[in-house]
Amino acid sequence: MVDEKSSDNLIEIRGLYLKRGRRVVFDGLDMSIPRGKITALMGPSGTGKTTLLKVIGGQVAPDAGEVIVNGLDVCRASRAELFELRKNIGMLFQSSALFTDMSVAENVAFPLREHTDLPDDSIRDLVLMKLNAVGLRGARDLMPNELSGGMARRVALARAIALDPLLLMYDEPFTGQDPIAMGVVQSLIKRLNHAFAATSLVVSHDIHETITIAEQIYIIADGKVIGHGPPDHLRSHDSSLIRQFVHGTPDGPVPFHYPADELNFDLLGEVSK
């Protein structure tokens, strides 16, 4: 255990190696996530960004390396230590993952009932405060099937901040949102990070929205960090792969076509001359 106040970084990842079958997901990954900032994880699909969130939360154990979260070595932590750590982590899932048989208020109250001994009156007040923070205090009695996609995402965010976590992790928070809902979520991530003095880690493919709120970005490919820094730095990066991803161009190091034989061979059984 290290002194959690001795580092400006809430998360330190060193030499992370993870293999799934014959596929290497992370191959010596190094990363530092500063306290109190919004950091984005980006990169081509299938590069393990969501898996990295699970490693940080202790749900997936790597084959080698260190993952230090707020002074705790997650890879070597006991079950009790991981349980305590997760009380300080709020997670916004891609699908919102609301309990369908619970009202909005009951969904937000769930972590408070599970992890505290607060009386019902105190839980009710906290639930109303969290729902007010995401603009949905008036929707407290609705059921999840009565919510729009954007509203469900905001309820899930209220639940994620119920315990005032040190770390907020967002897995594709903008996916499937209309422009208004996307703007609301974008604003909430920024406001809540400041209001709760939290550290935010955002996994997203939405370049424009993420660049607008992120203070630093890590781009992952081929199991490693291929670039990191503030958004303006990455826009003019020396790497053609990073520029292709940031600018969303179809032609570049990441090919449009999956590797295959020549089209004539597939169609006619012969190689074109």
Protein backbone atom coordinates (compact mmCIF):
# COMPACT_ATOMS: atom_id res chain seq x y z
CA MET A 1 0.00 0.00 0.00
CA VAL A 2 1.34 3.43 -0.90
CA ASP A 3 0.36 6.77 0.51
CA GLU A 4 -2.64 7.75 -1.58
CA LYS A 5 -1.92 11.46 -1.03
CA SER A 6 1.68 11.20 -2.24
CA SER A 7 0.73 11.03 -5.91
CA ASP A 8 -1.03 13.46 -8.19
CA ASN A 9 -2.40 10.43 -10.05
CA LEU A 10 -5.43 8.51 -8.85
CA ILE A 11 -4.57 5.56 -11.13
CA GLU A 12 -1.14 4.23 -12.12
CA ILE A 13 -0.93 1.36 -14.61
CA ARG A 14 2.49 -0.15 -15.24
CA GLY A 15 3.48 -2.95 -17.58
CA LEU A 16 -0.06 -4.30 -17.92
CA TYR A 17 -0.21 -7.59 -19.80
CA LEU A 18 -3.43 -9.49 -20.50
CA LYS A 19 -4.04 -12.37 -22.87
CA ARG A 20 -7.38 -13.89 -23.88
CA GLY A 21 -6.77 -17.24 -25.56
CA ARG A 22 -4.19 -16.53 -28.25
CA ARG A 23 -5.08 -12.84 -28.45
CA VAL A 24 -2.94 -10.33 -26.56
CA VAL A 25 -5.25 -7.59 -25.25
CA PHE A 26 -2.63 -5.51 -23.41
CA ASP A 27 1.08 -5.80 -24.08
CA GLY A 28 3.02 -3.71 -21.58
CA LEU A 29 0.41 -0.96 -21.21
CA ASP A 30 1.45 2.09 -19.13
CA MET A 31 -0.94 4.84 -18.11
CA SER A 32 -1.35 7.57 -15.46
CA ILE A 33 -4.76 9.06 -14.66
CA PRO A 34 -4.48 12.40 -12.80
CA ARG A 35 -6.73 13.20 -9.86
CA GLY A 36 -9.62 15.57 -10.42
CA LYS A 37 -9.38 15.53 -14.22
CA ILE A 38 -11.45 14.08 -17.07
CA THR A 39 -9.39 11.54 -19.00
CA ALA A 40 -10.64 9.81 -22.15
CA LEU A 41 -9.72 6.34 -23.39
CA MET A 42 -10.05 6.09 -27.15
CA GLY A 43 -8.91 3.89 -29.99
CA PRO A 44 -10.16 1.54 -32.72
CA SER A 45 -12.89 -0.98 -31.83
CA GLY A 46 -11.74 -4.14 -30.12
CA THR A 47 -8.67 -2.67 -28.47
CA GLY A 48 -9.78 -3.51 -24.93
CA LYS A 49 -10.99 -0.15 -23.61
CA THR A 50 -13.99 -1.60 -21.75
CA THR A 51 -11.80 -4.46 -20.53
CA LEU A 52 -9.41 -1.89 -19.07
CA LEU A 53 -12.26 -0.44 -16.99
CA LYS A 54 -12.91 -3.94 -15.64
CA VAL A 55 -9.22 -4.37 -14.79
CA ILE A 56 -9.26 -1.07 -12.88
CA GLY A 57 -12.34 -2.17 -10.95
CA GLY A 58 -10.83 -5.56 -10.15
CA GLN A 59 -13.36 -7.60 -12.16
CA VAL A 60 -10.68 -8.85 -14.56
CA ALA A 61 -7.25 -9.96 -13.34
CA PRO A 62 -4.32 -9.29 -15.69
CA ASP A 63 -1.55 -11.80 -16.33
CA ALA A 64 1.16 -9.33 -15.30
CA GLY A 65 1.67 -5.72 -14.33
CA GLU A 66 0.52 -3.29 -11.67
CA VAL A 67 -2.75 -1.38 -11.38
CA ILE A 68 -2.65 1.08 -8.47
CA VAL A 69 -5.96 2.81 -7.70
CA ASN A 70 -5.93 5.40 -4.92
CA GLY A 71 -2.96 3.68 -3.33
CA LEU A 72 -4.31 0.13 -3.61
CA ASP A 73 -2.63 -2.49 -5.77
CA VAL A 74 -5.77 -3.90 -7.38
CA CYS A 75 -3.99 -6.97 -8.79
CA ARG A 76 -2.92 -8.12 -5.33
CA ALA A 77 -5.81 -6.80 -3.23
CA SER A 78 -7.97 -9.03 -1.06
CA ARG A 79 -11.66 -9.45 -1.72
CA ALA A 80 -12.47 -7.15 1.22
CA GLU A 81 -10.12 -4.46 -0.10
CA LEU A 82 -11.69 -4.65 -3.55
CA PHE A 83 -15.15 -4.36 -2.01
CA GLU A 84 -14.10 -1.17 -0.20
CA LEU A 85 -12.47 0.21 -3.35
CA ARG A 86 -15.62 -0.31 -5.41
CA LYS A 87 -17.60 1.85 -2.98
CA ASN A 88 -15.47 4.72 -4.29
CA ILE A 89 -16.07 3.91 -7.96
CA GLY A 90 -19.18 4.98 -9.84
CA MET A 91 -19.83 3.20 -13.13
CA LEU A 92 -22.06 4.30 -16.00
CA PHE A 93 -22.67 1.26 -18.22
CA GLN A 94 -23.31 1.37 -21.97
CA SER A 95 -26.84 0.03 -21.50
CA SER A 96 -27.59 2.10 -18.35
CA ALA A 97 -28.32 -1.27 -16.60
CA LEU A 98 -31.26 -0.01 -14.54
CA PHE A 99 -33.25 -2.51 -12.50
CA THR A 100 -36.43 -2.84 -14.52
CA ASP A 101 -38.65 -3.73 -11.53
CA MET A 102 -37.53 -0.69 -9.49
CA SER A 103 -38.64 2.91 -9.83
CA VAL A 104 -36.19 5.68 -10.68
CA ALA A 105 -35.86 6.61 -6.99
CA GLU A 106 -35.35 2.98 -5.94
CA ASN A 107 -32.63 2.52 -8.58
CA VAL A 108 -30.69 5.49 -7.25
CA ALA A 109 -31.25 4.39 -3.65
CA PHE A 110 -29.92 0.88 -4.30
CA PRO A 111 -26.19 1.55 -3.65
CA LEU A 112 -27.06 3.63 -0.58
CA ARG A 113 -29.06 0.75 0.90
CA GLU A 114 -26.39 -1.80 0.00
CA HIS A 115 -23.35 0.08 1.29
CA THR A 116 -24.58 2.33 4.12
CA ASP A 117 -26.68 2.11 7.28
CA LEU A 118 -28.41 5.41 6.65
CA PRO A 119 -32.05 5.77 7.75
CA ASP A 120 -34.76 5.89 5.10
CA ASP A 121 -35.28 9.66 5.50
CA SER A 122 -31.61 10.36 4.82
CA ILE A 123 -31.59 8.02 1.81
CA ARG A 124 -34.68 9.73 0.42
CA ASP A 125 -33.04 13.16 0.74
CA LEU A 126 -29.83 11.96 -0.92
CA VAL A 127 -31.77 10.35 -3.77
CA LEU A 128 -33.64 13.58 -4.43
CA MET A 129 -30.37 15.53 -4.39
CA LYS A 130 -28.71 13.17 -6.89
CA LEU A 131 -31.75 13.18 -9.18
CA ASN A 132 -31.87 16.96 -8.97
CA ALA A 133 -28.21 17.07 -10.04
CA VAL A 134 -29.12 15.28 -13.29
CA GLY A 135 -32.38 17.21 -13.75
CA LEU A 136 -34.76 14.32 -13.04
CA ARG A 137 -36.08 14.92 -9.54
CA GLY A 138 -39.60 15.10 -10.98
CA ALA A 139 -39.21 11.64 -12.54
CA ARG A 140 -38.51 9.83 -9.27
CA ASP A 141 -41.69 7.72 -9.36
CA LEU A 142 -41.37 6.61 -13.00
CA MET A 143 -40.37 3.07 -13.98
CA PRO A 144 -37.46 2.44 -16.38
CA ASN A 145 -39.82 1.45 -19.21
CA GLU A 146 -41.35 4.94 -19.00
CA LEU A 147 -38.03 6.67 -19.64
CA SER A 148 -36.45 7.74 -22.90
CA GLY A 149 -32.94 6.53 -23.64
CA GLY A 150 -31.45 9.85 -22.59
CA MET A 151 -33.42 9.91 -19.34
CA ALA A 152 -32.38 6.34 -18.51
CA ARG A 153 -28.73 7.32 -19.00
CA ARG A 154 -29.17 10.25 -16.61
CA VAL A 155 -30.85 8.06 -13.97
CA ALA A 156 -27.94 5.64 -14.26
CA LEU A 157 -25.59 8.58 -13.77
CA ALA A 158 -27.48 9.66 -10.64
CA ARG A 159 -27.07 6.12 -9.30
CA ALA A 160 -23.35 6.18 -10.17
CA ILE A 161 -22.80 9.30 -8.04
CA ALA A 162 -25.00 8.14 -5.14
CA LEU A 163 -22.02 7.40 -2.88
CA ASP A 164 -19.98 10.47 -3.93
CA PRO A 165 -17.26 8.33 -5.54
CA LEU A 166 -13.65 9.35 -6.05
CA LEU A 167 -13.66 7.78 -9.52
CA LEU A 168 -16.37 7.92 -12.16
CA MET A 169 -16.03 5.56 -15.13
CA TYR A 170 -18.16 6.02 -18.23
CA ASP A 171 -18.45 3.27 -20.85
CA GLU A 172 -19.62 4.84 -24.15
CA PRO A 173 -21.85 7.47 -22.46
CA PHE A 174 -22.86 9.12 -25.77
CA THR A 175 -23.86 6.00 -27.71
CA GLY A 176 -27.45 5.97 -28.97
CA GLN A 177 -28.21 9.49 -27.75
CA ASP A 178 -29.95 12.16 -29.81
CA PRO A 179 -28.07 15.48 -30.10
CA ILE A 180 -29.96 17.07 -27.18
CA ALA A 181 -29.47 14.09 -24.85
CA MET A 182 -25.83 13.85 -25.92
CA GLY A 183 -25.28 17.50 -25.03
CA VAL A 184 -26.95 16.97 -21.65
CA VAL A 185 -24.76 13.97 -20.79
CA GLN A 186 -21.67 15.83 -21.99
CA SER A 187 -22.50 18.79 -19.74
CA LEU A 188 -23.28 16.53 -16.78
CA ILE A 189 -19.96 14.70 -16.98
CA LYS A 190 -18.12 18.00 -16.82
CA ARG A 191 -20.29 19.53 -14.10
CA LEU A 192 -20.37 16.47 -11.87
CA ASN A 193 -16.62 15.94 -12.12
CA HIS A 194 -16.13 19.47 -10.79
CA ALA A 195 -18.96 19.39 -8.22
CA PHE A 196 -17.84 16.13 -6.61
CA ALA A 197 -14.09 16.79 -7.00
CA ALA A 198 -13.99 13.41 -8.72
CA THR A 199 -11.75 11.85 -11.33
CA SER A 200 -13.52 10.82 -14.53
CA LEU A 201 -12.46 8.14 -17.00
CA VAL A 202 -14.46 8.18 -20.24
CA VAL A 203 -14.42 5.41 -22.87
CA SER A 204 -15.93 6.73 -26.08
CA HIS A 205 -15.79 6.60 -29.87
CA ASP A 206 -17.49 9.98 -30.19
CA ILE A 207 -14.55 12.18 -31.07
CA HIS A 208 -16.18 15.62 -31.03
CA GLU A 209 -18.07 15.20 -27.76
CA THR A 210 -15.14 13.59 -25.97
CA ILE A 211 -12.56 16.12 -27.11
CA THR A 212 -14.81 18.92 -25.87
CA ILE A 213 -14.76 17.71 -22.25
CA ALA A 214 -11.55 15.67 -21.89
CA GLU A 215 -8.47 17.30 -20.41
CA GLN A 216 -6.25 14.49 -21.62
CA ILE A 217 -6.74 11.58 -23.99
CA TYR A 218 -5.08 8.17 -24.21
CA ILE A 219 -5.30 6.35 -27.53
CA ILE A 220 -4.84 2.58 -27.36
CA ALA A 221 -4.02 0.25 -30.26
CA ASP A 222 -2.26 -3.11 -30.57
CA GLY A 223 -2.22 -3.55 -26.79
CA LYS A 224 -0.26 -0.37 -26.08
CA VAL A 225 -0.72 3.35 -25.64
CA ILE A 226 0.19 4.83 -29.02
CA GLY A 227 -0.37 8.42 -28.00
CA HIS A 228 -1.58 10.58 -25.15
CA GLY A 229 -1.89 14.22 -24.24
CA PRO A 230 -4.33 17.12 -24.45
CA PRO A 231 -6.77 17.12 -27.40
CA ASP A 232 -4.96 19.85 -29.33
CA HIS A 233 -1.73 17.88 -29.18
CA LEU A 234 -3.33 14.75 -30.64
CA ARG A 235 -4.98 16.59 -33.54
CA SER A 236 -1.54 17.32 -35.00
CA HIS A 237 0.26 14.19 -33.78
CA ASP A 238 3.12 12.72 -35.81
CA SER A 239 1.42 9.30 -35.92
CA SER A 240 -0.74 8.76 -39.02
CA LEU A 241 -2.85 6.23 -37.06
CA ILE A 242 -3.64 8.78 -34.35
CA ARG A 243 -4.47 11.46 -36.92
CA GLN A 244 -6.71 9.01 -38.79
CA PHE A 245 -8.62 8.18 -35.61
CA VAL A 246 -8.92 11.74 -34.29
CA HIS A 247 -10.06 13.13 -37.66
CA GLY A 248 -12.21 10.10 -38.54
CA THR A 249 -10.77 9.60 -42.03
CA PRO A 250 -11.56 6.28 -43.79
CA ASP A 251 -8.14 5.90 -45.44
CA GLY A 252 -5.02 5.35 -43.39
CA PRO A 253 -3.17 2.70 -41.35
CA VAL A 254 -6.50 1.13 -40.33
CA PRO A 255 -7.77 -0.30 -43.64
CA PHE A 256 -11.36 -0.17 -44.81
CA HIS A 257 -11.29 -3.80 -46.03
CA TYR A 258 -10.72 -6.76 -43.75
CA PRO A 259 -7.83 -8.89 -45.14
CA ALA A 260 -9.09 -11.18 -47.92
CA ASP A 261 -8.12 -12.74 -51.22
CA GLU A 262 -8.56 -10.69 -54.38
CA LEU A 263 -12.21 -10.19 -55.34
CA ASN A 264 -11.72 -11.91 -58.72
CA PHE A 265 -10.41 -15.00 -56.96
CA ASP A 266 -13.45 -15.17 -54.66
CA LEU A 267 -15.87 -14.60 -57.53
CA LEU A 268 -14.26 -16.56 -60.34
CA GLY A 269 -11.74 -18.77 -58.62
CA GLU A 270 -8.83 -17.14 -60.41
CA VAL A 271 -6.33 -14.41 -59.71
CA SER A 272 -6.62 -11.32 -61.92
CA LYS A 273 -3.73 -10.73 -64.36
